[in-house]
Amino acid sequence: MKYYILFFLLISQFSNSQSDYFDGNYTICPIPNDKESKENFKLGIDCIKANLYIGGANRLFLDLIKKDSTFCDAYFFAGYTYRLSNMDKAALTYYYMADSLSNKNFIFKQNLAFMASKMGSFKLARKKYSEMKEYFPESAEGFYGIASTSIFIGDTKNGLENLNIAIRKYNEKGITIGDEIYFTQGILLTRDEKYIESIEAFEKMSGKITKNEEYRINYAFSLIKIGKNNNDEKLIKKAKKVFEKIEDKTNLSEMMLNEFK
């Protein structure tokens, strides 16, 4: 599964303060107090905003790091330009440095957790989402991040508990619950053998995400379990139809394959 699907919501729904930050309206750490540094930082931000000369912007931020190794924002935006250039390993390194130099910053932890998740470093991602939950309990993102990482770490009940808190917080803020959350919920409920609730979650989804292999695997499994338990031929037929759409069945467990024989 492409893990970062689960985190689209986390990265895309920036608050006003995050938008201000990416516009360069403030910094987390003090910017070097000279004209050239301030101009180069602004130029790097302008390149990012225009999505032009990203490599040049990256060099500007790296030069700022050489000038002041404590300037955490230069590390962050160097990481961000690496991410835009699909250099994920470098992005993770510089995000990590930015987070280490800052004092409990939400934006840094959020982006570091996302990149760690994308690269499969789930223990690091869990650590950062746990810090978000601890330091920013008013936000839903830390709770949701813990739920999403639980798919890979395996602590399903902990994931569901945190997901329920995240959903409540999103609802309180009037944020629409999207397919990414139902996707996470459906997988966790399937893992917890709550197949009826899992089906309900999956059937709230629509669009491209329903073509995801993990969606099909978990939805089909929940359908077949309930269908067999209730001797419901209609559900069994539906389960097999979803199962047949799974393109790569080689990684399915023997238990799951046996359900469809």
Protein backbone atom coordinates (compact mmCIF):
# COMPACT_ATOMS: atom_id res chain seq x y z
CA MET A 1 0.00 0.00 0.00
CA LYS A 2 1.21 3.48 -0.75
CA TYR A 3 1.18 4.69 2.79
CA TYR A 4 1.12 8.40 2.08
CA ILE A 5 -2.47 8.08 0.80
CA LEU A 6 -3.46 7.93 4.46
CA PHE A 7 -1.71 11.20 5.19
CA PHE A 8 -3.05 13.39 2.40
CA LEU A 9 -5.51 14.95 4.81
CA LEU A 10 -2.79 15.76 7.31
CA ILE A 11 -0.58 17.59 4.84
CA SER A 12 -3.25 19.27 2.70
CA GLN A 13 -5.35 20.90 5.42
CA PHE A 14 -2.98 23.64 6.53
CA SER A 15 -4.20 26.09 9.12
CA ASN A 16 -3.81 29.83 8.56
CA SER A 17 -0.62 29.86 10.63
CA GLN A 18 0.86 27.16 8.40
CA SER A 19 -0.06 29.09 5.26
CA ASP A 20 1.58 32.15 6.76
CA TYR A 21 4.68 30.11 7.50
CA PHE A 22 4.97 28.76 3.97
CA ASP A 23 4.49 32.30 2.70
CA GLY A 24 7.57 33.29 4.69
CA ASN A 25 5.71 35.68 6.99
CA TYR A 26 7.53 34.40 10.06
CA THR A 27 10.28 32.01 11.10
CA ILE A 28 10.54 29.54 13.97
CA CYS A 29 14.21 30.27 14.70
CA PRO A 30 15.92 33.68 14.43
CA ILE A 31 17.04 34.45 10.90
CA PRO A 32 20.69 35.54 10.57
CA ASN A 33 20.73 39.28 11.13
CA ASP A 34 22.27 40.45 7.88
CA LYS A 35 20.75 41.78 4.68
CA GLU A 36 22.06 39.03 2.39
CA SER A 37 20.67 36.23 4.54
CA LYS A 38 17.25 37.84 4.75
CA GLU A 39 17.15 38.45 0.99
CA ASN A 40 18.27 34.90 0.18
CA PHE A 41 15.71 33.38 2.54
CA LYS A 42 12.94 35.42 0.93
CA LEU A 43 14.16 34.49 -2.55
CA GLY A 44 14.11 30.80 -1.64
CA ILE A 45 10.55 31.10 -0.33
CA ASP A 46 9.48 32.97 -3.48
CA CYS A 47 10.88 30.14 -5.63
CA ILE A 48 8.86 27.60 -3.65
CA LYS A 49 5.69 29.69 -3.93
CA ALA A 50 6.16 30.01 -7.70
CA ASN A 51 7.28 26.36 -8.01
CA LEU A 52 10.30 27.54 -10.01
CA TYR A 53 14.06 27.03 -9.62
CA ILE A 54 13.57 24.57 -6.76
CA GLY A 55 17.17 23.39 -7.06
CA GLY A 56 18.37 26.98 -6.76
CA ALA A 57 16.15 27.51 -3.74
CA ASN A 58 17.64 24.41 -2.16
CA ARG A 59 21.16 25.80 -2.59
CA LEU A 60 20.09 29.08 -0.99
CA PHE A 61 18.83 27.26 2.10
CA LEU A 62 21.95 25.08 2.29
CA ASP A 63 24.10 28.22 2.15
CA LEU A 64 22.08 29.70 5.00
CA ILE A 65 22.74 26.53 7.03
CA LYS A 66 26.47 26.92 6.42
CA LYS A 67 26.24 30.49 7.65
CA ASP A 68 24.19 29.62 10.75
CA SER A 69 23.88 25.96 11.73
CA THR A 70 21.15 26.78 14.27
CA PHE A 71 18.74 28.32 11.74
CA CYS A 72 16.08 25.60 11.88
CA ASP A 73 13.90 27.13 9.16
CA ALA A 74 16.69 26.79 6.61
CA TYR A 75 16.88 23.08 7.45
CA PHE A 76 13.12 22.74 7.10
CA PHE A 77 12.89 24.46 3.73
CA ALA A 78 15.97 22.62 2.47
CA GLY A 79 14.06 19.45 3.39
CA TYR A 80 10.95 20.76 1.71
CA THR A 81 12.79 21.51 -1.54
CA TYR A 82 14.33 18.04 -1.42
CA ARG A 83 10.82 16.64 -1.02
CA LEU A 84 9.59 18.62 -4.02
CA SER A 85 12.51 17.14 -5.96
CA ASN A 86 11.53 13.59 -4.89
CA MET A 87 14.72 13.22 -2.85
CA ASP A 88 12.92 11.69 0.11
CA LYS A 89 15.91 10.44 2.09
CA ALA A 90 17.51 13.91 2.09
CA ALA A 91 14.15 15.48 2.90
CA LEU A 92 13.78 13.22 5.94
CA THR A 93 17.27 14.10 7.18
CA TYR A 94 16.74 17.85 6.97
CA TYR A 95 13.24 17.67 8.44
CA TYR A 96 14.74 15.73 11.34
CA MET A 97 17.38 18.41 11.90
CA ALA A 98 14.78 21.19 11.80
CA ASP A 99 12.63 19.40 14.36
CA SER A 100 15.66 18.76 16.59
CA LEU A 101 16.61 22.45 16.58
CA SER A 102 13.12 23.79 17.25
CA ASN A 103 11.06 23.86 20.42
CA LYS A 104 7.95 21.71 19.99
CA ASN A 105 6.92 23.02 16.57
CA PHE A 106 3.77 21.53 15.04
CA ILE A 107 4.65 22.12 11.39
CA PHE A 108 8.07 20.52 11.69
CA LYS A 109 6.73 17.46 13.50
CA GLN A 110 3.85 17.05 11.05
CA ASN A 111 6.04 17.13 7.96
CA LEU A 112 8.71 14.92 9.54
CA ALA A 113 6.08 12.36 10.51
CA PHE A 114 4.64 12.40 6.98
CA MET A 115 8.02 11.84 5.36
CA ALA A 116 8.96 9.12 7.85
CA SER A 117 5.67 7.38 7.07
CA LYS A 118 6.20 7.66 3.33
CA MET A 119 9.61 6.02 3.68
CA GLY A 120 8.33 3.25 5.94
CA SER A 121 9.98 4.55 9.13
CA PHE A 122 6.84 3.94 11.15
CA LYS A 123 8.45 4.00 14.60
CA LEU A 124 9.83 7.48 13.93
CA ALA A 125 6.49 8.59 12.51
CA ARG A 126 4.67 7.23 15.57
CA LYS A 127 7.08 9.07 17.87
CA LYS A 128 6.39 12.39 16.12
CA TYR A 129 2.62 11.88 16.03
CA SER A 130 2.71 11.01 19.73
CA GLU A 131 4.59 14.27 20.37
CA MET A 132 1.97 16.15 18.35
CA LYS A 133 -0.74 14.55 20.46
CA GLU A 134 1.10 15.46 23.68
CA TYR A 135 2.10 19.03 22.80
CA PHE A 136 -0.92 19.96 20.65
CA PRO A 137 -3.87 17.99 22.10
CA GLU A 138 -6.37 20.46 20.63
CA SER A 139 -5.41 19.26 17.14
CA ALA A 140 -6.78 16.07 15.58
CA GLU A 141 -3.72 15.34 13.46
CA GLY A 142 -1.59 13.67 16.12
CA PHE A 143 -4.43 11.31 17.03
CA TYR A 144 -5.11 10.51 13.37
CA GLY A 145 -1.41 9.93 12.74
CA ILE A 146 -1.25 7.41 15.57
CA ALA A 147 -4.28 5.63 14.11
CA SER A 148 -2.72 5.44 10.65
CA THR A 149 0.63 4.17 11.89
CA SER A 150 -1.16 1.49 13.90
CA ILE A 151 -2.00 -0.23 10.60
CA PHE A 152 1.70 -0.98 10.23
CA ILE A 153 2.76 -1.19 13.87
CA GLY A 154 -0.09 -3.55 14.72
CA ASP A 155 -1.68 -1.99 17.83
CA THR A 156 -5.15 -2.00 16.32
CA LYS A 157 -7.22 -1.15 19.39
CA ASN A 158 -4.94 1.78 20.21
CA GLY A 159 -5.36 2.92 16.62
CA LEU A 160 -9.14 2.79 16.81
CA GLU A 161 -9.22 4.68 20.10
CA ASN A 162 -7.10 7.47 18.67
CA LEU A 163 -9.05 7.51 15.41
CA ASN A 164 -12.32 7.99 17.28
CA ILE A 165 -10.81 10.96 19.12
CA ALA A 166 -9.54 12.41 15.84
CA ILE A 167 -12.97 12.06 14.21
CA ARG A 168 -14.59 13.81 17.16
CA LYS A 169 -12.10 16.65 16.95
CA TYR A 170 -12.57 17.02 13.18
CA ASN A 171 -16.34 17.14 13.68
CA GLU A 172 -16.01 19.76 16.42
CA LYS A 173 -14.04 21.96 14.01
CA GLY A 174 -16.50 21.41 11.17
CA ILE A 175 -13.94 19.55 9.04
CA THR A 176 -15.54 17.08 6.65
CA ILE A 177 -14.53 13.49 7.26
CA GLY A 178 -12.96 12.33 3.99
CA ASP A 179 -12.19 9.03 2.34
CA GLU A 180 -8.72 8.86 3.91
CA ILE A 181 -10.22 8.60 7.39
CA TYR A 182 -12.86 6.05 6.36
CA PHE A 183 -10.06 4.09 4.66
CA THR A 184 -8.04 3.96 7.87
CA GLN A 185 -11.14 3.19 9.91
CA GLY A 186 -12.22 0.36 7.62
CA ILE A 187 -8.83 -1.35 7.73
CA LEU A 188 -8.56 -1.07 11.51
CA LEU A 189 -12.10 -2.36 12.04
CA THR A 190 -11.38 -5.31 9.75
CA ARG A 191 -8.24 -6.08 11.76
CA ASP A 192 -10.33 -5.88 14.96
CA GLU A 193 -12.86 -8.33 13.47
CA LYS A 194 -15.62 -5.73 13.57
CA TYR A 195 -16.73 -6.60 10.08
CA ILE A 196 -20.15 -4.92 10.03
CA GLU A 197 -18.68 -1.59 11.14
CA SER A 198 -15.83 -2.08 8.66
CA ILE A 199 -18.27 -2.52 5.77
CA GLU A 200 -20.11 0.62 6.86
CA ALA A 201 -16.86 2.59 6.77
CA PHE A 202 -15.80 1.29 3.35
CA GLU A 203 -19.22 1.97 1.86
CA LYS A 204 -18.94 5.65 2.78
CA MET A 205 -16.00 5.95 0.39
CA SER A 206 -16.06 6.86 -3.29
CA GLY A 207 -13.70 7.89 -6.05
CA LYS A 208 -10.18 6.74 -6.90
CA ILE A 209 -9.35 5.50 -3.42
CA THR A 210 -11.82 2.62 -3.88
CA LYS A 211 -9.45 1.24 -6.51
CA ASN A 212 -6.73 0.86 -3.87
CA GLU A 213 -5.67 -2.75 -3.30
CA GLU A 214 -5.92 -2.48 0.50
CA TYR A 215 -9.47 -1.16 0.16
CA ARG A 216 -10.45 -4.14 -1.97
CA ILE A 217 -8.66 -6.69 0.25
CA ASN A 218 -10.19 -5.52 3.52
CA TYR A 219 -13.63 -4.74 2.10
CA ALA A 220 -13.85 -8.14 0.41
CA PHE A 221 -12.72 -9.93 3.57
CA SER A 222 -15.29 -8.16 5.75
CA LEU A 223 -18.04 -8.90 3.23
CA ILE A 224 -17.18 -12.60 3.01
CA LYS A 225 -17.02 -12.98 6.80
CA ILE A 226 -20.45 -11.44 7.34
CA GLY A 227 -21.87 -13.19 4.30
CA LYS A 228 -20.79 -16.60 5.55
CA ASN A 229 -21.81 -15.92 9.15
CA ASN A 230 -25.32 -14.94 8.02
CA ASN A 231 -25.62 -17.39 5.11
CA ASP A 232 -26.17 -14.35 2.93
CA GLU A 233 -25.48 -15.41 -0.68
CA LYS A 234 -25.89 -11.86 -1.92
CA LEU A 235 -23.06 -10.60 0.33
CA ILE A 236 -20.89 -13.61 -0.54
CA LYS A 237 -21.35 -12.90 -4.24
CA LYS A 238 -20.51 -9.23 -3.68
CA ALA A 239 -17.40 -10.19 -1.69
CA LYS A 240 -16.16 -12.44 -4.49
CA LYS A 241 -16.77 -9.72 -7.05
CA VAL A 242 -14.62 -7.27 -5.04
CA PHE A 243 -12.01 -9.99 -4.45
CA GLU A 244 -11.64 -10.66 -8.18
CA LYS A 245 -10.68 -7.02 -8.70
CA ILE A 246 -7.58 -7.43 -6.50
CA GLU A 247 -4.76 -7.29 -9.02
CA ASP A 248 -1.98 -8.83 -6.91
CA LYS A 249 -3.11 -11.67 -4.68
CA THR A 250 0.39 -13.02 -3.98
CA ASN A 251 0.72 -11.19 -0.66
CA LEU A 252 -2.63 -12.31 0.73
CA SER A 253 -2.55 -14.57 3.77
CA GLU A 254 -3.51 -18.23 3.44
CA MET A 255 -6.42 -17.60 5.82
CA MET A 256 -7.82 -14.89 3.56
CA LEU A 257 -7.37 -16.92 0.39
CA ASN A 258 -9.14 -19.87 1.99
CA GLU A 259 -12.21 -17.71 2.65
CA PHE A 260 -12.65 -17.30 -1.13
CA LYS A 261 -12.05 -20.91 -2.22
